[in-house]
Amino acid sequence: MNTRIFIYCIFIMLFPLTAQADMILNKSIIYFEPDNPNREDLEIQNAGTDPLYIQVTSKIVNNPGTDKQVREIFDNPKQAGLLVSPNKLVVPPNGRKLLRFVNLNPNPKEEKVYRVSITPVVGELSAKSTGVKIMIGYEVLVIVHPVDGHIDLTHQRSSNKLTLSNQGTQNVLLRKGTQCPADVDDESLCHQLPGKRLYPGNTWSVDLEADQAVTYFLSRGKEHSVRVFE
């Protein structure tokens, strides 16, 4: 849900036509908790037979999840609060490299959200005919939880709509939403509902299929729980 994938179609001289989808990441979300280690490594694997040239771009997300959301590329890690290193790397064929994330503000008063683009770029290529090279890039979500972070999830509902608001100081991921008939164990009879990450101050409404209780799995960082909305 939080991994964003970008596909780049680049017309180059190739023979024969090839598709490049060789980059594999070992995680898509990085959480930094107060009083926990302030650095974490992400492993990039090259499953292909050619070197993988990668460009890394870091952005801070202001007003996440709202109409005023803005992503800003930053050049000053100390000011932004996050260092990602290196910003360029080459992963050899069938090789692995580490990308290091360092939280420079380990005890923020407010939650910090970042998006880090990991984008393959074209290296030296030569061939006898024109083709298309498909290059897939990823975006990693980085969340720095605040000191004394908490979730305060309130709700209002009618027979056909559920509205949820996060009045806390930390985001919550709602996933695997369902509406199931009472006293029925057959999951095929349940209505599946969409998921959503609610950042502090966010409000979200979901249309309901029936006048039944709604169940969501809630993820708060690496902690998980279940909540039923009547």
C-alpha atoms as a PDB file:
ATOM      1  CA  MET A   1       0.000   0.000   0.000  1.00  0.00           C
ATOM      2  CA  ASN A   2       2.796   2.384   0.737  1.00  0.00           C
ATOM      3  CA  THR A   3       5.256   1.310  -1.891  1.00  0.00           C
ATOM      4  CA  ARG A   4       5.062   3.485  -4.965  1.00  0.00           C
ATOM      5  CA  ILE A   5       6.364   2.028  -8.210  1.00  0.00           C
ATOM      6  CA  PHE A   6       7.425   4.104 -11.182  1.00  0.00           C
ATOM      7  CA  ILE A   7       7.906   2.643 -14.646  1.00  0.00           C
ATOM      8  CA  TYR A   8      10.181   4.408 -17.095  1.00  0.00           C
ATOM      9  CA  CYS A   9       9.963   3.495 -20.783  1.00  0.00           C
ATOM     10  CA  ILE A  10      13.140   4.693 -22.471  1.00  0.00           C
ATOM     11  CA  PHE A  11      13.715   4.316 -26.199  1.00  0.00           C
ATOM     12  CA  ILE A  12      17.296   3.186 -26.679  1.00  0.00           C
ATOM     13  CA  MET A  13      19.408   1.080 -28.994  1.00  0.00           C
ATOM     14  CA  LEU A  14      18.848  -2.497 -27.895  1.00  0.00           C
ATOM     15  CA  PHE A  15      18.996  -5.882 -29.512  1.00  0.00           C
ATOM     16  CA  PRO A  16      16.885  -7.820 -28.876  1.00  0.00           C
ATOM     17  CA  LEU A  17      14.020  -6.001 -27.059  1.00  0.00           C
ATOM     18  CA  THR A  18      14.536  -6.363 -23.294  1.00  0.00           C
ATOM     19  CA  ALA A  19      12.670  -5.510 -20.095  1.00  0.00           C
ATOM     20  CA  GLN A  20      14.507  -4.328 -16.979  1.00  0.00           C
ATOM     21  CA  ALA A  21      12.766  -5.074 -13.686  1.00  0.00           C
ATOM     22  CA  ASP A  22      15.772  -6.305 -11.773  1.00  0.00           C
ATOM     23  CA  MET A  23      15.790  -4.082  -8.668  1.00  0.00           C
ATOM     24  CA  ILE A  24      14.532  -5.663  -5.444  1.00  0.00           C
ATOM     25  CA  LEU A  25      14.220  -3.870  -2.085  1.00  0.00           C
ATOM     26  CA  ASN A  26      14.026  -5.731   1.220  1.00  0.00           C
ATOM     27  CA  LYS A  27      11.551  -3.210   2.715  1.00  0.00           C
ATOM     28  CA  SER A  28       9.217  -0.441   1.599  1.00  0.00           C
ATOM     29  CA  ILE A  29       8.613   1.409   4.893  1.00  0.00           C
ATOM     30  CA  ILE A  30      11.095   2.573   7.510  1.00  0.00           C
ATOM     31  CA  TYR A  31       9.945   3.593  10.992  1.00  0.00           C
ATOM     32  CA  PHE A  32      12.023   5.506  13.504  1.00  0.00           C
ATOM     33  CA  GLU A  33      10.716   5.253  17.066  1.00  0.00           C
ATOM     34  CA  PRO A  34      11.783   7.506  19.981  1.00  0.00           C
ATOM     35  CA  ASP A  35      14.703   6.089  21.985  1.00  0.00           C
ATOM     36  CA  ASN A  36      15.345   3.423  19.324  1.00  0.00           C
ATOM     37  CA  PRO A  37      18.374   3.222  16.998  1.00  0.00           C
ATOM     38  CA  ASN A  38      18.557   6.309  14.782  1.00  0.00           C
ATOM     39  CA  ARG A  39      19.786   4.496  11.697  1.00  0.00           C
ATOM     40  CA  GLU A  40      18.508   1.707   9.488  1.00  0.00           C
ATOM     41  CA  ASP A  41      19.822   0.071   6.325  1.00  0.00           C
ATOM     42  CA  LEU A  42      17.822  -0.841   3.246  1.00  0.00           C
ATOM     43  CA  GLU A  43      19.177  -3.566   0.986  1.00  0.00           C
ATOM     44  CA  ILE A  44      19.011  -3.131  -2.781  1.00  0.00           C
ATOM     45  CA  GLN A  45      19.415  -6.312  -4.800  1.00  0.00           C
ATOM     46  CA  ASN A  46      20.194  -6.512  -8.504  1.00  0.00           C
ATOM     47  CA  ALA A  47      18.665  -9.719  -9.852  1.00  0.00           C
ATOM     48  CA  GLY A  48      19.774  -8.952 -13.398  1.00  0.00           C
ATOM     49  CA  THR A  49      22.870  -9.612 -15.448  1.00  0.00           C
ATOM     50  CA  ASP A  50      23.785  -5.956 -16.065  1.00  0.00           C
ATOM     51  CA  PRO A  51      25.016  -3.333 -13.575  1.00  0.00           C
ATOM     52  CA  LEU A  52      22.228  -1.329 -11.957  1.00  0.00           C
ATOM     53  CA  TYR A  53      22.828   2.436 -11.761  1.00  0.00           C
ATOM     54  CA  ILE A  54      20.675   4.122  -9.136  1.00  0.00           C
ATOM     55  CA  GLN A  55      19.818   7.719  -8.259  1.00  0.00           C
ATOM     56  CA  VAL A  56      18.389   8.464  -4.792  1.00  0.00           C
ATOM     57  CA  THR A  57      16.208  11.534  -4.177  1.00  0.00           C
ATOM     58  CA  SER A  58      14.893  12.468  -0.718  1.00  0.00           C
ATOM     59  CA  LYS A  59      11.758  14.546  -0.123  1.00  0.00           C
ATOM     60  CA  ILE A  60      10.049  15.773   3.017  1.00  0.00           C
ATOM     61  CA  VAL A  61       6.257  15.568   3.001  1.00  0.00           C
ATOM     62  CA  ASN A  62       4.504  18.592   4.477  1.00  0.00           C
ATOM     63  CA  ASN A  63       0.825  18.388   5.503  1.00  0.00           C
ATOM     64  CA  PRO A  64       0.649  14.663   4.619  1.00  0.00           C
ATOM     65  CA  GLY A  65      -2.716  13.249   3.610  1.00  0.00           C
ATOM     66  CA  THR A  66      -4.368  16.649   3.128  1.00  0.00           C
ATOM     67  CA  ASP A  67      -5.250  18.861   0.165  1.00  0.00           C
ATOM     68  CA  LYS A  68      -2.239  20.993   1.131  1.00  0.00           C
ATOM     69  CA  GLN A  69       0.235  18.101   0.951  1.00  0.00           C
ATOM     70  CA  VAL A  70       3.537  19.128  -0.631  1.00  0.00           C
ATOM     71  CA  ARG A  71       6.683  17.088  -1.268  1.00  0.00           C
ATOM     72  CA  GLU A  72       9.867  19.108  -1.209  1.00  0.00           C
ATOM     73  CA  ILE A  73      13.258  17.848  -2.324  1.00  0.00           C
ATOM     74  CA  PHE A  74      15.896  18.868   0.204  1.00  0.00           C
ATOM     75  CA  ASP A  75      19.647  19.271  -0.050  1.00  0.00           C
ATOM     76  CA  ASN A  76      20.307  19.951   3.629  1.00  0.00           C
ATOM     77  CA  PRO A  77      19.805  16.694   5.589  1.00  0.00           C
ATOM     78  CA  LYS A  78      20.529  18.363   8.934  1.00  0.00           C
ATOM     79  CA  GLN A  79      17.780  20.911   8.409  1.00  0.00           C
ATOM     80  CA  ALA A  80      15.328  18.323   7.039  1.00  0.00           C
ATOM     81  CA  GLY A  81      16.139  15.792   9.764  1.00  0.00           C
ATOM     82  CA  LEU A  82      16.979  12.823   7.523  1.00  0.00           C
ATOM     83  CA  LEU A  83      20.218  11.670   5.897  1.00  0.00           C
ATOM     84  CA  VAL A  84      20.102   9.062   3.130  1.00  0.00           C
ATOM     85  CA  SER A  85      23.474   7.864   1.874  1.00  0.00           C
ATOM     86  CA  PRO A  86      24.754   7.430  -0.753  1.00  0.00           C
ATOM     87  CA  ASN A  87      22.625   9.358  -3.239  1.00  0.00           C
ATOM     88  CA  LYS A  88      24.168   7.499  -6.176  1.00  0.00           C
ATOM     89  CA  LEU A  89      25.274   3.889  -6.323  1.00  0.00           C
ATOM     90  CA  VAL A  90      25.979   1.030  -8.680  1.00  0.00           C
ATOM     91  CA  VAL A  91      24.787  -2.470  -7.831  1.00  0.00           C
ATOM     92  CA  PRO A  92      26.727  -5.182  -9.722  1.00  0.00           C
ATOM     93  CA  PRO A  93      24.944  -8.045 -11.501  1.00  0.00           C
ATOM     94  CA  ASN A  94      23.455 -10.484  -8.981  1.00  0.00           C
ATOM     95  CA  GLY A  95      24.880  -8.223  -6.249  1.00  0.00           C
ATOM     96  CA  ARG A  96      23.583  -6.254  -3.261  1.00  0.00           C
ATOM     97  CA  LYS A  97      24.257  -2.792  -1.854  1.00  0.00           C
ATOM     98  CA  LEU A  98      23.047  -1.040   1.296  1.00  0.00           C
ATOM     99  CA  LEU A  99      21.346   2.344   1.454  1.00  0.00           C
ATOM    100  CA  ARG A 100      21.656   3.926   4.900  1.00  0.00           C
ATOM    101  CA  PHE A 101      18.909   6.032   6.507  1.00  0.00           C
ATOM    102  CA  VAL A 102      19.892   8.183   9.507  1.00  0.00           C
ATOM    103  CA  ASN A 103      17.339  10.003  11.630  1.00  0.00           C
ATOM    104  CA  LEU A 104      18.993  13.289  12.617  1.00  0.00           C
ATOM    105  CA  ASN A 105      16.102  14.401  14.834  1.00  0.00           C
ATOM    106  CA  PRO A 106      15.366  11.330  17.010  1.00  0.00           C
ATOM    107  CA  ASN A 107      12.875  12.977  19.372  1.00  0.00           C
ATOM    108  CA  PRO A 108      10.627  15.304  17.349  1.00  0.00           C
ATOM    109  CA  LYS A 109       7.573  16.904  18.900  1.00  0.00           C
ATOM    110  CA  GLU A 110       5.589  16.234  15.716  1.00  0.00           C
ATOM    111  CA  GLU A 111       5.571  13.268  13.354  1.00  0.00           C
ATOM    112  CA  LYS A 112       7.875  13.622  10.339  1.00  0.00           C
ATOM    113  CA  VAL A 113       7.149  11.999   6.976  1.00  0.00           C
ATOM    114  CA  TYR A 114       9.544  11.506   4.057  1.00  0.00           C
ATOM    115  CA  ARG A 115       9.462   9.866   0.631  1.00  0.00           C
ATOM    116  CA  VAL A 116      12.720   8.574  -0.838  1.00  0.00           C
ATOM    117  CA  SER A 117      12.770   7.773  -4.559  1.00  0.00           C
ATOM    118  CA  ILE A 118      15.115   4.999  -5.648  1.00  0.00           C
ATOM    119  CA  THR A 119      15.332   5.345  -9.402  1.00  0.00           C
ATOM    120  CA  PRO A 120      17.325   3.299 -11.927  1.00  0.00           C
ATOM    121  CA  VAL A 121      19.113   5.317 -14.583  1.00  0.00           C
ATOM    122  CA  VAL A 122      20.543   4.295 -17.917  1.00  0.00           C
ATOM    123  CA  GLY A 123      24.170   3.242 -17.952  1.00  0.00           C
ATOM    124  CA  GLU A 124      26.318   2.640 -21.008  1.00  0.00           C
ATOM    125  CA  LEU A 125      24.344   0.783 -23.659  1.00  0.00           C
ATOM    126  CA  SER A 126      24.911  -0.201 -27.249  1.00  0.00           C
ATOM    127  CA  ALA A 127      23.031  -2.354 -29.732  1.00  0.00           C
ATOM    128  CA  LYS A 128      22.135  -2.676 -33.407  1.00  0.00           C
ATOM    129  CA  SER A 129      18.441  -1.822 -33.386  1.00  0.00           C
ATOM    130  CA  THR A 130      15.929   0.397 -31.621  1.00  0.00           C
ATOM    131  CA  GLY A 131      13.913  -1.005 -28.737  1.00  0.00           C
ATOM    132  CA  VAL A 132      12.352  -0.084 -25.418  1.00  0.00           C
ATOM    133  CA  LYS A 133      13.910  -0.514 -22.004  1.00  0.00           C
ATOM    134  CA  ILE A 134      11.463  -0.656 -19.094  1.00  0.00           C
ATOM    135  CA  MET A 135      12.939   0.609 -15.838  1.00  0.00           C
ATOM    136  CA  ILE A 136      11.077   0.300 -12.549  1.00  0.00           C
ATOM    137  CA  GLY A 137      11.733   2.691  -9.670  1.00  0.00           C
ATOM    138  CA  TYR A 138      10.446   2.613  -6.102  1.00  0.00           C
ATOM    139  CA  GLU A 139       9.503   5.132  -3.440  1.00  0.00           C
ATOM    140  CA  VAL A 140      10.205   4.282   0.200  1.00  0.00           C
ATOM    141  CA  LEU A 141       8.050   5.775   2.952  1.00  0.00           C
ATOM    142  CA  VAL A 142      10.008   6.988   6.003  1.00  0.00           C
ATOM    143  CA  ILE A 143       8.144   7.920   9.194  1.00  0.00           C
ATOM    144  CA  VAL A 144       9.701   9.426  12.331  1.00  0.00           C
ATOM    145  CA  HIS A 145       7.338   9.007  15.259  1.00  0.00           C
ATOM    146  CA  PRO A 146       7.118  11.815  17.817  1.00  0.00           C
ATOM    147  CA  VAL A 147       7.861  11.654  21.523  1.00  0.00           C
ATOM    148  CA  ASP A 148       4.769  10.389  23.380  1.00  0.00           C
ATOM    149  CA  GLY A 149       3.092   9.636  20.045  1.00  0.00           C
ATOM    150  CA  HIS A 150      -0.448   8.312  20.255  1.00  0.00           C
ATOM    151  CA  ILE A 151      -3.510   7.600  18.127  1.00  0.00           C
ATOM    152  CA  ASP A 152      -6.906   9.067  18.898  1.00  0.00           C
ATOM    153  CA  LEU A 153      -9.194   7.565  16.260  1.00  0.00           C
ATOM    154  CA  THR A 154     -12.774   8.835  16.389  1.00  0.00           C
ATOM    155  CA  HIS A 155     -15.628   7.785  14.125  1.00  0.00           C
ATOM    156  CA  GLN A 156     -19.109   8.613  12.943  1.00  0.00           C
ATOM    157  CA  ARG A 157     -21.252   6.281  10.899  1.00  0.00           C
ATOM    158  CA  SER A 158     -24.587   5.900   9.209  1.00  0.00           C
ATOM    159  CA  SER A 159     -26.047   2.920   7.407  1.00  0.00           C
ATOM    160  CA  ASN A 160     -23.980   3.618   4.278  1.00  0.00           C
ATOM    161  CA  LYS A 161     -20.921   5.624   5.370  1.00  0.00           C
ATOM    162  CA  LEU A 162     -18.157   5.474   7.985  1.00  0.00           C
ATOM    163  CA  THR A 163     -16.114   8.601   8.720  1.00  0.00           C
ATOM    164  CA  LEU A 164     -12.851   8.261  10.645  1.00  0.00           C
ATOM    165  CA  SER A 165     -10.693  11.037  12.096  1.00  0.00           C
ATOM    166  CA  ASN A 166      -7.221  10.770  13.599  1.00  0.00           C
ATOM    167  CA  GLN A 167      -7.055  13.332  16.388  1.00  0.00           C
ATOM    168  CA  GLY A 168      -3.778  11.936  17.739  1.00  0.00           C
ATOM    169  CA  THR A 169      -0.140  12.797  17.082  1.00  0.00           C
ATOM    170  CA  GLN A 170       0.845   9.697  15.122  1.00  0.00           C
ATOM    171  CA  ASN A 171      -0.413   8.123  11.904  1.00  0.00           C
ATOM    172  CA  VAL A 172      -2.413   4.916  11.748  1.00  0.00           C
ATOM    173  CA  LEU A 173      -2.787   2.504   8.831  1.00  0.00           C
ATOM    174  CA  LEU A 174      -6.242   1.005   8.367  1.00  0.00           C
ATOM    175  CA  ARG A 175      -6.195  -2.215   6.360  1.00  0.00           C
ATOM    176  CA  LYS A 176      -8.212  -5.366   5.660  1.00  0.00           C
ATOM    177  CA  GLY A 177     -11.511  -3.604   6.210  1.00  0.00           C
ATOM    178  CA  THR A 178     -14.538  -5.914   6.152  1.00  0.00           C
ATOM    179  CA  GLN A 179     -18.259  -6.023   6.792  1.00  0.00           C
ATOM    180  CA  CYS A 180     -19.447  -9.536   7.616  1.00  0.00           C
ATOM    181  CA  PRO A 181     -22.924 -10.854   8.446  1.00  0.00           C
ATOM    182  CA  ALA A 182     -23.349 -11.589  12.142  1.00  0.00           C
ATOM    183  CA  ASP A 183     -22.761 -15.184  13.289  1.00  0.00           C
ATOM    184  CA  VAL A 184     -21.443 -16.247   9.879  1.00  0.00           C
ATOM    185  CA  ASP A 185     -17.975 -17.797   9.463  1.00  0.00           C
ATOM    186  CA  ASP A 186     -17.942 -17.824   5.661  1.00  0.00           C
ATOM    187  CA  GLU A 187     -15.522 -15.023   4.676  1.00  0.00           C
ATOM    188  CA  SER A 188     -16.773 -15.152   1.089  1.00  0.00           C
ATOM    189  CA  LEU A 189     -19.954 -13.438   2.336  1.00  0.00           C
ATOM    190  CA  CYS A 190     -17.994 -10.476   3.724  1.00  0.00           C
ATOM    191  CA  HIS A 191     -17.749  -7.144   1.921  1.00  0.00           C
ATOM    192  CA  GLN A 192     -14.157  -5.976   1.463  1.00  0.00           C
ATOM    193  CA  LEU A 193     -13.464  -2.304   2.227  1.00  0.00           C
ATOM    194  CA  PRO A 194     -10.546  -0.117   1.086  1.00  0.00           C
ATOM    195  CA  GLY A 195      -7.655   0.770   3.360  1.00  0.00           C
ATOM    196  CA  LYS A 196      -6.101   4.114   4.203  1.00  0.00           C
ATOM    197  CA  ARG A 197      -3.232   5.666   6.153  1.00  0.00           C
ATOM    198  CA  LEU A 198      -4.523   8.477   8.343  1.00  0.00           C
ATOM    199  CA  TYR A 199      -1.940  11.028   9.425  1.00  0.00           C
ATOM    200  CA  PRO A 200      -2.550  13.312  12.415  1.00  0.00           C
ATOM    201  CA  GLY A 201      -5.481  15.611  11.663  1.00  0.00           C
ATOM    202  CA  ASN A 202      -6.695  13.530   8.683  1.00  0.00           C
ATOM    203  CA  THR A 203     -10.369  12.651   8.158  1.00  0.00           C
ATOM    204  CA  TRP A 204     -11.544   9.971   5.737  1.00  0.00           C
ATOM    205  CA  SER A 205     -14.912   8.529   4.734  1.00  0.00           C
ATOM    206  CA  VAL A 206     -15.590   5.089   3.271  1.00  0.00           C
ATOM    207  CA  ASP A 207     -18.832   4.009   1.620  1.00  0.00           C
ATOM    208  CA  LEU A 208     -20.398   0.929   3.204  1.00  0.00           C
ATOM    209  CA  GLU A 209     -22.020  -1.973   1.393  1.00  0.00           C
ATOM    210  CA  ALA A 210     -24.401  -2.908   4.203  1.00  0.00           C
ATOM    211  CA  ASP A 211     -25.743  -1.830   7.586  1.00  0.00           C
ATOM    212  CA  GLN A 212     -23.323  -4.081   9.490  1.00  0.00           C
ATOM    213  CA  ALA A 213     -20.408  -3.655  11.853  1.00  0.00           C
ATOM    214  CA  VAL A 214     -17.108  -2.652  10.243  1.00  0.00           C
ATOM    215  CA  THR A 215     -13.831  -4.323  11.211  1.00  0.00           C
ATOM    216  CA  TYR A 216     -10.399  -2.871  10.448  1.00  0.00           C
ATOM    217  CA  PHE A 217      -6.876  -3.980  11.253  1.00  0.00           C
ATOM    218  CA  LEU A 218      -4.971  -1.006  12.675  1.00  0.00           C
ATOM    219  CA  SER A 219      -1.198  -0.673  12.331  1.00  0.00           C
ATOM    220  CA  ARG A 220       0.643   1.854  14.462  1.00  0.00           C
ATOM    221  CA  GLY A 221       4.250   1.583  13.351  1.00  0.00           C
ATOM    222  CA  LYS A 222       5.136  -2.062  14.059  1.00  0.00           C
ATOM    223  CA  GLU A 223       2.227  -2.543  16.475  1.00  0.00           C
ATOM    224  CA  HIS A 224      -1.050  -4.063  15.261  1.00  0.00           C
ATOM    225  CA  SER A 225      -4.567  -4.347  16.633  1.00  0.00           C
ATOM    226  CA  VAL A 226      -8.159  -4.916  15.508  1.00  0.00           C
ATOM    227  CA  ARG A 227     -11.039  -2.487  15.955  1.00  0.00           C
ATOM    228  CA  VAL A 228     -14.734  -2.883  15.313  1.00  0.00           C
ATOM    229  CA  PHE A 229     -16.907   0.131  14.428  1.00  0.00           C
ATOM    230  CA  GLU A 230     -20.581  -0.393  15.176  1.00  0.00           C
END
